[in-house]
Structure formats: structure tokens, C-alpha cells
Amino acid sequence: MTTTRTGDAPTNELLTPPRLQEAASLLRDRSPEEILAWTLERFPRRTAVTVSFGGPGVALAYMAAQIEPTTPIVFLDTGFLFPETYALRDELVKRYALNLVEYKPLTDPGPLYETDTDGCCAIRKVEPMQRALGDFDAWVSGVRRDQGPTRANTEVVEHHLVNGRPLAKVYPLAYWTRGQIWGYLLDKGIPYNPLLDQGYSSLGCWPCTRATRAGEDERAGRWSGSGKTECGLHTFTTASTPEGTP
């Protein structure tokens, strides 16, 4: 693995659209653990795993702890998370000795969610994540294709730009179903958020999250009735268009 330097920041030779598209093709049929191990090997000390402790994506925190215990587990504390989310965070950090790195909003906008959900998410989630990414070349998260229409084309590895800088976005669970993740959690005995047993299928901030109803998409309980489907965390980076597509 070779890196070059542009200014003060190392630039990995893999951080080009063709190389990451090739990686996606090679890794698409691999297990999440293999995809995560590949990422940690290719981007040593430059990989962050984001975990919200709200959904079954906590499996990623467990995997990272088994593969490389020092992996930074980035947690965005918005100040409006459910008490059960904070309790699970503390339990998993203690049980698996997670290297937790927390980021909080620089300012408190108060109940901005009542009038401007996009603005609230920008302050409480997007800006802290942008700040966190300054230290990393690879960002691993639990996005899956079956979570809803906006995520249906997610690849296991994607080339993105953040503020003009190349970034590898890695989704080890992209091709797994919700059922597969639940099977993994139960098989490994990994604790999960108890709200998931109370009708919630996706958890964010409590003012903007409700339990889902039978037949609804997994993320239907987020910003219900507003038309909003994403908080902005996975839309503020710019994805490269694969070769051969218009």
C-alpha cells in the first residue's frame, strides 16, 4: 500500500474512482467482516466506523472490535438521542472496549426541529461528521440497500468527494438484509437497542422518530409526514459516477 502527500494530508493511491469501483466488484460477494478487514488493511489508521447505537448496525462496532480493536468508532451525539441509545453505547463500549470518538454540535440550536428539520440535522449531524472526516480517508457505515428507495443502489465501496477531497465510503452491510443482521446479532449475542423490540425499526433523534407500522419501509418512522427521508449524513458527500453510466 502506497500513499503520497498533498500538503499535510496523505492521499492513498486507492482513492480514485476506477480503483474503488474495481474494489467494489471484487468485494461485492464477500462477507461484511471481509469487506471491513480489507478497508482497515488498505487504509490503516485512516478508517472510521460510524455507529449510531440505534439500529442493528451495531454489528459493525462488534466486527471492528474483533478485527482491529483500536479502530475509531465515531459517534455523533446530537443531544436528542433516546436514553436507550446512550445506555446501549455505554454497554457496548464497556463490553467490547470500543475506541469511541464522540462528536457534538458546535452550537445548540434548541428546538429547531420544530420549524426546520434540515437545518437542525445540518447543525447536529452533518457539521460534526464533516469535522470528523478531516482525520480519515475511509468512512465505514451501516447503510443497506434494503432500507429504502434512497439507498437501493448503494455499493459496498464507493468513491466520494468531501470538500474536494477524495473519500472511500464503505458499506459492508450493503447487500445484507435486515433479517441477516438480526441473525448475526442473535448468533453472536450482541446487545441491541431495546426500542427495536417496541415497534421502532430505525432510530434517530427522539423528536423526529416514531415506531413504524406493518408494511412500512424500515425508515418510514423518521421525520414522518414531512417528506424528508435522509438527515444529510449520506448526501453531503459527492459520489463519483461509475464509468459507462450517463
C-alpha atoms as a PDB file:
ATOM      1  CA  MET A   1       0.000   0.000   0.000  1.00  0.00           C
ATOM      2  CA  THR A   2       1.429   3.331  -1.072  1.00  0.00           C
ATOM      3  CA  THR A   3       0.487   6.818  -0.043  1.00  0.00           C
ATOM      4  CA  THR A   4       1.553  10.157  -1.383  1.00  0.00           C
ATOM      5  CA  ARG A   5       1.184  13.511   0.297  1.00  0.00           C
ATOM      6  CA  THR A   6      -0.659  16.569  -0.853  1.00  0.00           C
ATOM      7  CA  GLY A   7       0.137  19.333   1.597  1.00  0.00           C
ATOM      8  CA  ASP A   8      -0.165  17.789   5.058  1.00  0.00           C
ATOM      9  CA  ALA A   9      -2.764  15.115   4.255  1.00  0.00           C
ATOM     10  CA  PRO A  10      -1.817  11.636   2.996  1.00  0.00           C
ATOM     11  CA  THR A  11      -3.602  10.572  -0.181  1.00  0.00           C
ATOM     12  CA  ASN A  12      -3.985   6.829  -0.661  1.00  0.00           C
ATOM     13  CA  GLU A  13      -3.408   5.563  -4.186  1.00  0.00           C
ATOM     14  CA  LEU A  14      -6.686   3.649  -3.963  1.00  0.00           C
ATOM     15  CA  LEU A  15      -8.682   6.872  -3.681  1.00  0.00           C
ATOM     16  CA  THR A  16      -9.574   7.103  -7.355  1.00  0.00           C
ATOM     17  CA  PRO A  17     -12.933   6.199  -8.951  1.00  0.00           C
ATOM     18  CA  PRO A  18     -11.541   3.327 -11.091  1.00  0.00           C
ATOM     19  CA  ARG A  19      -9.666   1.712  -8.192  1.00  0.00           C
ATOM     20  CA  LEU A  20     -12.612   1.877  -5.815  1.00  0.00           C
ATOM     21  CA  GLN A  21     -15.046   0.676  -8.482  1.00  0.00           C
ATOM     22  CA  GLU A  22     -12.728  -2.277  -9.058  1.00  0.00           C
ATOM     23  CA  ALA A  23     -12.660  -2.911  -5.322  1.00  0.00           C
ATOM     24  CA  ALA A  24     -16.459  -2.858  -5.185  1.00  0.00           C
ATOM     25  CA  SER A  25     -16.635  -5.510  -7.899  1.00  0.00           C
ATOM     26  CA  LEU A  26     -14.169  -7.730  -6.078  1.00  0.00           C
ATOM     27  CA  LEU A  27     -15.766  -7.303  -2.644  1.00  0.00           C
ATOM     28  CA  ARG A  28     -19.450  -7.373  -3.564  1.00  0.00           C
ATOM     29  CA  ASP A  29     -19.843 -11.076  -2.737  1.00  0.00           C
ATOM     30  CA  ARG A  30     -17.583 -11.057   0.314  1.00  0.00           C
ATOM     31  CA  SER A  31     -18.798 -11.140   3.898  1.00  0.00           C
ATOM     32  CA  PRO A  32     -19.105  -7.882   5.859  1.00  0.00           C
ATOM     33  CA  GLU A  33     -16.152  -8.946   8.009  1.00  0.00           C
ATOM     34  CA  GLU A  34     -14.006  -9.436   4.916  1.00  0.00           C
ATOM     35  CA  ILE A  35     -15.032  -6.058   3.500  1.00  0.00           C
ATOM     36  CA  LEU A  36     -14.259  -4.338   6.794  1.00  0.00           C
ATOM     37  CA  ALA A  37     -10.917  -6.146   7.132  1.00  0.00           C
ATOM     38  CA  TRP A  38      -9.997  -5.093   3.575  1.00  0.00           C
ATOM     39  CA  THR A  39     -10.772  -1.473   4.427  1.00  0.00           C
ATOM     40  CA  LEU A  40      -8.774  -1.461   7.660  1.00  0.00           C
ATOM     41  CA  GLU A  41      -5.806  -3.027   5.861  1.00  0.00           C
ATOM     42  CA  ARG A  42      -5.892  -0.638   2.911  1.00  0.00           C
ATOM     43  CA  PHE A  43      -6.463   2.487   4.999  1.00  0.00           C
ATOM     44  CA  PRO A  44      -4.590   1.819   8.255  1.00  0.00           C
ATOM     45  CA  ARG A  45      -5.242   4.426  10.951  1.00  0.00           C
ATOM     46  CA  ARG A  46      -7.265   6.371   8.379  1.00  0.00           C
ATOM     47  CA  THR A  47     -10.564   4.456   8.694  1.00  0.00           C
ATOM     48  CA  ALA A  48     -13.520   5.499  10.815  1.00  0.00           C
ATOM     49  CA  VAL A  49     -16.585   3.373  11.557  1.00  0.00           C
ATOM     50  CA  THR A  50     -19.725   5.349  12.366  1.00  0.00           C
ATOM     51  CA  VAL A  51     -22.254   3.707  14.647  1.00  0.00           C
ATOM     52  CA  SER A  52     -25.437   5.347  15.930  1.00  0.00           C
ATOM     53  CA  PHE A  53     -26.285   2.655  18.525  1.00  0.00           C
ATOM     54  CA  GLY A  54     -29.862   2.962  17.352  1.00  0.00           C
ATOM     55  CA  GLY A  55     -30.200   0.159  14.815  1.00  0.00           C
ATOM     56  CA  PRO A  56     -28.783  -3.263  14.030  1.00  0.00           C
ATOM     57  CA  GLY A  57     -25.740  -1.557  12.504  1.00  0.00           C
ATOM     58  CA  VAL A  58     -24.149  -2.041  15.928  1.00  0.00           C
ATOM     59  CA  ALA A  59     -22.914  -5.262  14.325  1.00  0.00           C
ATOM     60  CA  LEU A  60     -20.229  -3.121  12.660  1.00  0.00           C
ATOM     61  CA  ALA A  61     -18.889  -1.991  16.029  1.00  0.00           C
ATOM     62  CA  TYR A  62     -18.572  -5.616  17.093  1.00  0.00           C
ATOM     63  CA  MET A  63     -16.843  -6.609  13.845  1.00  0.00           C
ATOM     64  CA  ALA A  64     -14.374  -3.737  14.072  1.00  0.00           C
ATOM     65  CA  ALA A  65     -13.526  -4.613  17.670  1.00  0.00           C
ATOM     66  CA  GLN A  66     -12.728  -8.199  16.646  1.00  0.00           C
ATOM     67  CA  ILE A  67     -10.638  -7.260  13.606  1.00  0.00           C
ATOM     68  CA  GLU A  68      -8.757  -4.209  14.903  1.00  0.00           C
ATOM     69  CA  PRO A  69      -9.640  -3.096  18.443  1.00  0.00           C
ATOM     70  CA  THR A  70      -8.120   0.364  18.011  1.00  0.00           C
ATOM     71  CA  THR A  71     -10.465   1.255  15.129  1.00  0.00           C
ATOM     72  CA  PRO A  72     -12.101   4.634  15.833  1.00  0.00           C
ATOM     73  CA  ILE A  73     -15.844   4.198  16.377  1.00  0.00           C
ATOM     74  CA  VAL A  74     -17.296   7.621  15.596  1.00  0.00           C
ATOM     75  CA  PHE A  75     -20.476   8.511  17.461  1.00  0.00           C
ATOM     76  CA  LEU A  76     -22.451  11.686  16.764  1.00  0.00           C
ATOM     77  CA  ASP A  77     -24.101  12.863  19.964  1.00  0.00           C
ATOM     78  CA  THR A  78     -26.857  15.178  18.770  1.00  0.00           C
ATOM     79  CA  GLY A  79     -28.131  15.853  22.277  1.00  0.00           C
ATOM     80  CA  PHE A  80     -31.553  14.487  21.287  1.00  0.00           C
ATOM     81  CA  LEU A  81     -30.978  10.738  21.219  1.00  0.00           C
ATOM     82  CA  PHE A  82     -33.158   8.295  23.112  1.00  0.00           C
ATOM     83  CA  PRO A  83     -31.982   7.326  26.631  1.00  0.00           C
ATOM     84  CA  GLU A  84     -31.873   3.717  25.430  1.00  0.00           C
ATOM     85  CA  THR A  85     -29.381   4.742  22.741  1.00  0.00           C
ATOM     86  CA  TYR A  86     -26.986   6.289  25.242  1.00  0.00           C
ATOM     87  CA  ALA A  87     -27.348   3.254  27.530  1.00  0.00           C
ATOM     88  CA  LEU A  88     -26.501   0.862  24.683  1.00  0.00           C
ATOM     89  CA  ARG A  89     -23.494   2.994  23.729  1.00  0.00           C
ATOM     90  CA  ASP A  90     -22.133   2.723  27.266  1.00  0.00           C
ATOM     91  CA  GLU A  91     -22.805  -1.016  27.438  1.00  0.00           C
ATOM     92  CA  LEU A  92     -21.063  -1.815  24.149  1.00  0.00           C
ATOM     93  CA  VAL A  93     -18.088   0.431  24.876  1.00  0.00           C
ATOM     94  CA  LYS A  94     -17.559  -1.406  28.155  1.00  0.00           C
ATOM     95  CA  ARG A  95     -18.216  -4.909  26.815  1.00  0.00           C
ATOM     96  CA  TYR A  96     -16.061  -4.680  23.666  1.00  0.00           C
ATOM     97  CA  ALA A  97     -13.578  -1.980  24.731  1.00  0.00           C
ATOM     98  CA  LEU A  98     -14.585   0.151  21.768  1.00  0.00           C
ATOM     99  CA  ASN A  99     -12.340   3.058  20.827  1.00  0.00           C
ATOM    100  CA  LEU A 100     -15.226   5.525  20.903  1.00  0.00           C
ATOM    101  CA  VAL A 101     -14.709   9.004  19.455  1.00  0.00           C
ATOM    102  CA  GLU A 102     -17.622  11.358  20.097  1.00  0.00           C
ATOM    103  CA  TYR A 103     -18.515  14.496  18.181  1.00  0.00           C
ATOM    104  CA  LYS A 104     -21.114  17.029  19.276  1.00  0.00           C
ATOM    105  CA  PRO A 105     -22.618  20.090  17.570  1.00  0.00           C
ATOM    106  CA  LEU A 106     -20.656  23.297  17.993  1.00  0.00           C
ATOM    107  CA  THR A 107     -23.822  25.206  18.851  1.00  0.00           C
ATOM    108  CA  ASP A 108     -27.192  24.342  20.368  1.00  0.00           C
ATOM    109  CA  PRO A 109     -29.995  25.424  18.026  1.00  0.00           C
ATOM    110  CA  GLY A 110     -32.680  24.481  20.529  1.00  0.00           C
ATOM    111  CA  PRO A 111     -35.950  23.060  19.144  1.00  0.00           C
ATOM    112  CA  LEU A 112     -35.072  23.962  15.564  1.00  0.00           C
ATOM    113  CA  TYR A 113     -36.538  20.611  14.514  1.00  0.00           C
ATOM    114  CA  GLU A 114     -39.999  22.111  15.024  1.00  0.00           C
ATOM    115  CA  THR A 115     -39.567  24.541  12.127  1.00  0.00           C
ATOM    116  CA  ASP A 116     -36.527  23.404  10.097  1.00  0.00           C
ATOM    117  CA  THR A 117     -35.593  19.741  10.241  1.00  0.00           C
ATOM    118  CA  ASP A 118     -32.929  20.120   7.545  1.00  0.00           C
ATOM    119  CA  GLY A 119     -31.292  22.965   9.426  1.00  0.00           C
ATOM    120  CA  CYS A 120     -31.408  21.023  12.674  1.00  0.00           C
ATOM    121  CA  CYS A 121     -29.789  17.954  11.093  1.00  0.00           C
ATOM    122  CA  ALA A 122     -27.151  20.144   9.457  1.00  0.00           C
ATOM    123  CA  ILE A 123     -26.083  21.522  12.833  1.00  0.00           C
ATOM    124  CA  ARG A 124     -26.449  18.397  14.936  1.00  0.00           C
ATOM    125  CA  LYS A 125     -25.247  15.738  12.469  1.00  0.00           C
ATOM    126  CA  VAL A 126     -23.748  16.940   9.213  1.00  0.00           C
ATOM    127  CA  GLU A 127     -21.295  19.552  10.506  1.00  0.00           C
ATOM    128  CA  PRO A 128     -19.925  17.252  13.244  1.00  0.00           C
ATOM    129  CA  MET A 129     -19.459  14.472  10.684  1.00  0.00           C
ATOM    130  CA  GLN A 130     -17.674  16.824   8.295  1.00  0.00           C
ATOM    131  CA  ARG A 131     -15.384  17.754  11.159  1.00  0.00           C
ATOM    132  CA  ALA A 132     -14.734  14.110  11.994  1.00  0.00           C
ATOM    133  CA  LEU A 133     -13.843  13.166   8.424  1.00  0.00           C
ATOM    134  CA  GLY A 134     -10.876  15.523   8.399  1.00  0.00           C
ATOM    135  CA  ASP A 135      -8.848  12.758  10.012  1.00  0.00           C
ATOM    136  CA  PHE A 136      -9.879   9.884   7.746  1.00  0.00           C
ATOM    137  CA  ASP A 137      -9.673   8.580   4.172  1.00  0.00           C
ATOM    138  CA  ALA A 138     -12.276   5.816   4.591  1.00  0.00           C
ATOM    139  CA  TRP A 139     -15.698   6.073   6.184  1.00  0.00           C
ATOM    140  CA  VAL A 140     -17.476   2.829   7.087  1.00  0.00           C
ATOM    141  CA  SER A 141     -21.196   2.881   7.898  1.00  0.00           C
ATOM    142  CA  GLY A 142     -24.160   0.538   8.160  1.00  0.00           C
ATOM    143  CA  VAL A 143     -26.184   1.736   5.151  1.00  0.00           C
ATOM    144  CA  ARG A 144     -28.034  -1.116   3.399  1.00  0.00           C
ATOM    145  CA  ARG A 145     -29.785  -1.372   0.035  1.00  0.00           C
ATOM    146  CA  ASP A 146     -32.995  -2.723   1.584  1.00  0.00           C
ATOM    147  CA  GLN A 147     -33.510   0.269   3.900  1.00  0.00           C
ATOM    148  CA  GLY A 148     -35.498   2.229   1.344  1.00  0.00           C
ATOM    149  CA  PRO A 149     -35.564   3.721  -2.168  1.00  0.00           C
ATOM    150  CA  THR A 150     -32.888   6.351  -1.465  1.00  0.00           C
ATOM    151  CA  ARG A 151     -30.392   3.618  -0.575  1.00  0.00           C
ATOM    152  CA  ALA A 152     -31.342   0.952  -3.111  1.00  0.00           C
ATOM    153  CA  ASN A 153     -28.243   1.465  -5.308  1.00  0.00           C
ATOM    154  CA  THR A 154     -25.658   1.520  -2.509  1.00  0.00           C
ATOM    155  CA  GLU A 155     -22.407  -0.299  -3.324  1.00  0.00           C
ATOM    156  CA  VAL A 156     -20.043  -1.904  -0.827  1.00  0.00           C
ATOM    157  CA  VAL A 157     -17.313   0.572  -1.795  1.00  0.00           C
ATOM    158  CA  GLU A 158     -17.860   3.989  -3.374  1.00  0.00           C
ATOM    159  CA  HIS A 159     -15.673   6.922  -4.354  1.00  0.00           C
ATOM    160  CA  HIS A 160     -16.879  10.226  -2.924  1.00  0.00           C
ATOM    161  CA  LEU A 161     -15.600  13.758  -2.579  1.00  0.00           C
ATOM    162  CA  VAL A 162     -15.922  15.773   0.607  1.00  0.00           C
ATOM    163  CA  ASN A 163     -14.907  19.408   0.276  1.00  0.00           C
ATOM    164  CA  GLY A 164     -12.992  18.416  -2.854  1.00  0.00           C
ATOM    165  CA  ARG A 165     -11.041  15.680  -1.072  1.00  0.00           C
ATOM    166  CA  PRO A 166     -11.369  12.007  -2.124  1.00  0.00           C
ATOM    167  CA  LEU A 167     -13.011   9.665   0.342  1.00  0.00           C
ATOM    168  CA  ALA A 168     -13.750   5.944   0.275  1.00  0.00           C
ATOM    169  CA  LYS A 169     -17.237   5.275   1.592  1.00  0.00           C
ATOM    170  CA  VAL A 170     -17.561   1.649   2.611  1.00  0.00           C
ATOM    171  CA  TYR A 171     -20.827  -0.140   3.339  1.00  0.00           C
ATOM    172  CA  PRO A 172     -20.016  -3.713   4.451  1.00  0.00           C
ATOM    173  CA  LEU A 173     -23.706  -4.439   5.117  1.00  0.00           C
ATOM    174  CA  ALA A 174     -24.955  -3.053   1.796  1.00  0.00           C
ATOM    175  CA  TYR A 175     -26.128  -6.398   0.415  1.00  0.00           C
ATOM    176  CA  TRP A 176     -27.289  -7.861   3.691  1.00  0.00           C
ATOM    177  CA  THR A 177     -30.958  -7.814   4.630  1.00  0.00           C
ATOM    178  CA  ARG A 178     -32.349  -6.691   7.941  1.00  0.00           C
ATOM    179  CA  GLY A 179     -33.074 -10.335   8.697  1.00  0.00           C
ATOM    180  CA  GLN A 180     -29.447 -11.322   8.124  1.00  0.00           C
ATOM    181  CA  ILE A 181     -28.220  -8.653  10.509  1.00  0.00           C
ATOM    182  CA  TRP A 182     -30.680  -9.739  13.181  1.00  0.00           C
ATOM    183  CA  GLY A 183     -29.473 -13.303  12.746  1.00  0.00           C
ATOM    184  CA  TYR A 184     -25.891 -12.122  13.214  1.00  0.00           C
ATOM    185  CA  LEU A 185     -26.688 -10.121  16.358  1.00  0.00           C
ATOM    186  CA  LEU A 186     -28.542 -13.006  17.956  1.00  0.00           C
ATOM    187  CA  ASP A 187     -25.917 -15.582  16.963  1.00  0.00           C
ATOM    188  CA  LYS A 188     -23.096 -13.514  18.470  1.00  0.00           C
ATOM    189  CA  GLY A 189     -25.106 -12.419  21.498  1.00  0.00           C
ATOM    190  CA  ILE A 190     -24.563  -8.738  20.687  1.00  0.00           C
ATOM    191  CA  PRO A 191     -26.770  -6.370  22.728  1.00  0.00           C
ATOM    192  CA  TYR A 192     -29.113  -4.167  20.718  1.00  0.00           C
ATOM    193  CA  ASN A 193     -31.357  -1.195  21.354  1.00  0.00           C
ATOM    194  CA  PRO A 194     -34.475  -2.374  23.247  1.00  0.00           C
ATOM    195  CA  LEU A 195     -36.631   0.089  21.293  1.00  0.00           C
ATOM    196  CA  LEU A 196     -36.220  -2.214  18.297  1.00  0.00           C
ATOM    197  CA  ASP A 197     -38.473  -4.641  20.160  1.00  0.00           C
ATOM    198  CA  GLN A 198     -41.082  -1.910  20.657  1.00  0.00           C
ATOM    199  CA  GLY A 199     -42.008  -1.182  17.055  1.00  0.00           C
ATOM    200  CA  TYR A 200     -39.109   1.088  16.124  1.00  0.00           C
ATOM    201  CA  SER A 201     -37.108  -0.093  13.115  1.00  0.00           C
ATOM    202  CA  SER A 202     -34.817   2.935  12.672  1.00  0.00           C
ATOM    203  CA  LEU A 203     -33.757   5.241  15.481  1.00  0.00           C
ATOM    204  CA  GLY A 204     -32.503   8.793  15.298  1.00  0.00           C
ATOM    205  CA  CYS A 205     -33.355  11.771  17.474  1.00  0.00           C
ATOM    206  CA  TRP A 206     -36.456  11.282  19.621  1.00  0.00           C
ATOM    207  CA  PRO A 207     -38.386  14.369  18.409  1.00  0.00           C
ATOM    208  CA  CYS A 208     -38.305  13.118  14.803  1.00  0.00           C
ATOM    209  CA  THR A 209     -38.685   9.352  15.234  1.00  0.00           C
ATOM    210  CA  ARG A 210     -41.776   7.187  15.665  1.00  0.00           C
ATOM    211  CA  ALA A 211     -42.416   3.468  15.634  1.00  0.00           C
ATOM    212  CA  THR A 212     -43.080   2.010  12.194  1.00  0.00           C
ATOM    213  CA  ARG A 213     -46.250   0.254  11.131  1.00  0.00           C
ATOM    214  CA  ALA A 214     -46.620  -3.133   9.489  1.00  0.00           C
ATOM    215  CA  GLY A 215     -45.655  -2.978   5.810  1.00  0.00           C
ATOM    216  CA  GLU A 216     -43.785   0.323   6.041  1.00  0.00           C
ATOM    217  CA  ASP A 217     -40.188   0.834   4.938  1.00  0.00           C
ATOM    218  CA  GLU A 218     -37.601   0.465   7.670  1.00  0.00           C
ATOM    219  CA  ARG A 219     -37.013   4.223   7.782  1.00  0.00           C
ATOM    220  CA  ALA A 220     -40.655   5.315   7.483  1.00  0.00           C
ATOM    221  CA  GLY A 221     -40.684   6.413  11.110  1.00  0.00           C
ATOM    222  CA  ARG A 222     -38.059   9.070  10.543  1.00  0.00           C
ATOM    223  CA  TRP A 223     -39.436  12.624  10.017  1.00  0.00           C
ATOM    224  CA  SER A 224     -42.826  11.031   9.397  1.00  0.00           C
ATOM    225  CA  GLY A 225     -45.197  13.073   7.253  1.00  0.00           C
ATOM    226  CA  SER A 226     -42.590  15.663   6.291  1.00  0.00           C
ATOM    227  CA  GLY A 227     -41.376  14.152   3.011  1.00  0.00           C
ATOM    228  CA  LYS A 228     -37.852  14.122   4.415  1.00  0.00           C
ATOM    229  CA  THR A 229     -36.056  10.783   4.040  1.00  0.00           C
ATOM    230  CA  GLU A 230     -32.403  11.482   4.890  1.00  0.00           C
ATOM    231  CA  CYS A 231     -30.725  13.525   7.606  1.00  0.00           C
ATOM    232  CA  GLY A 232     -27.960  14.625   5.246  1.00  0.00           C
ATOM    233  CA  LEU A 233     -25.151  12.447   6.577  1.00  0.00           C
ATOM    234  CA  HIS A 234     -25.109  10.350   3.423  1.00  0.00           C
ATOM    235  CA  THR A 235     -25.872  13.128   0.965  1.00  0.00           C
ATOM    236  CA  PHE A 236     -23.333  15.851   1.796  1.00  0.00           C
ATOM    237  CA  THR A 237     -20.544  13.955   0.040  1.00  0.00           C
ATOM    238  CA  THR A 238     -20.485  13.807  -3.758  1.00  0.00           C
ATOM    239  CA  ALA A 239     -20.468  10.329  -5.282  1.00  0.00           C
ATOM    240  CA  SER A 240     -18.496   9.653  -8.451  1.00  0.00           C
ATOM    241  CA  THR A 241     -20.473   8.321 -11.396  1.00  0.00           C
ATOM    242  CA  PRO A 242     -19.328   4.803 -12.387  1.00  0.00           C
ATOM    243  CA  GLU A 243     -17.716   4.536 -15.780  1.00  0.00           C
ATOM    244  CA  GLY A 244     -20.169   3.754 -18.558  1.00  0.00           C
ATOM    245  CA  THR A 245     -23.137   5.480 -16.921  1.00  0.00           C
ATOM    246  CA  PRO A 246     -24.566   8.786 -18.202  1.00  0.00           C
END
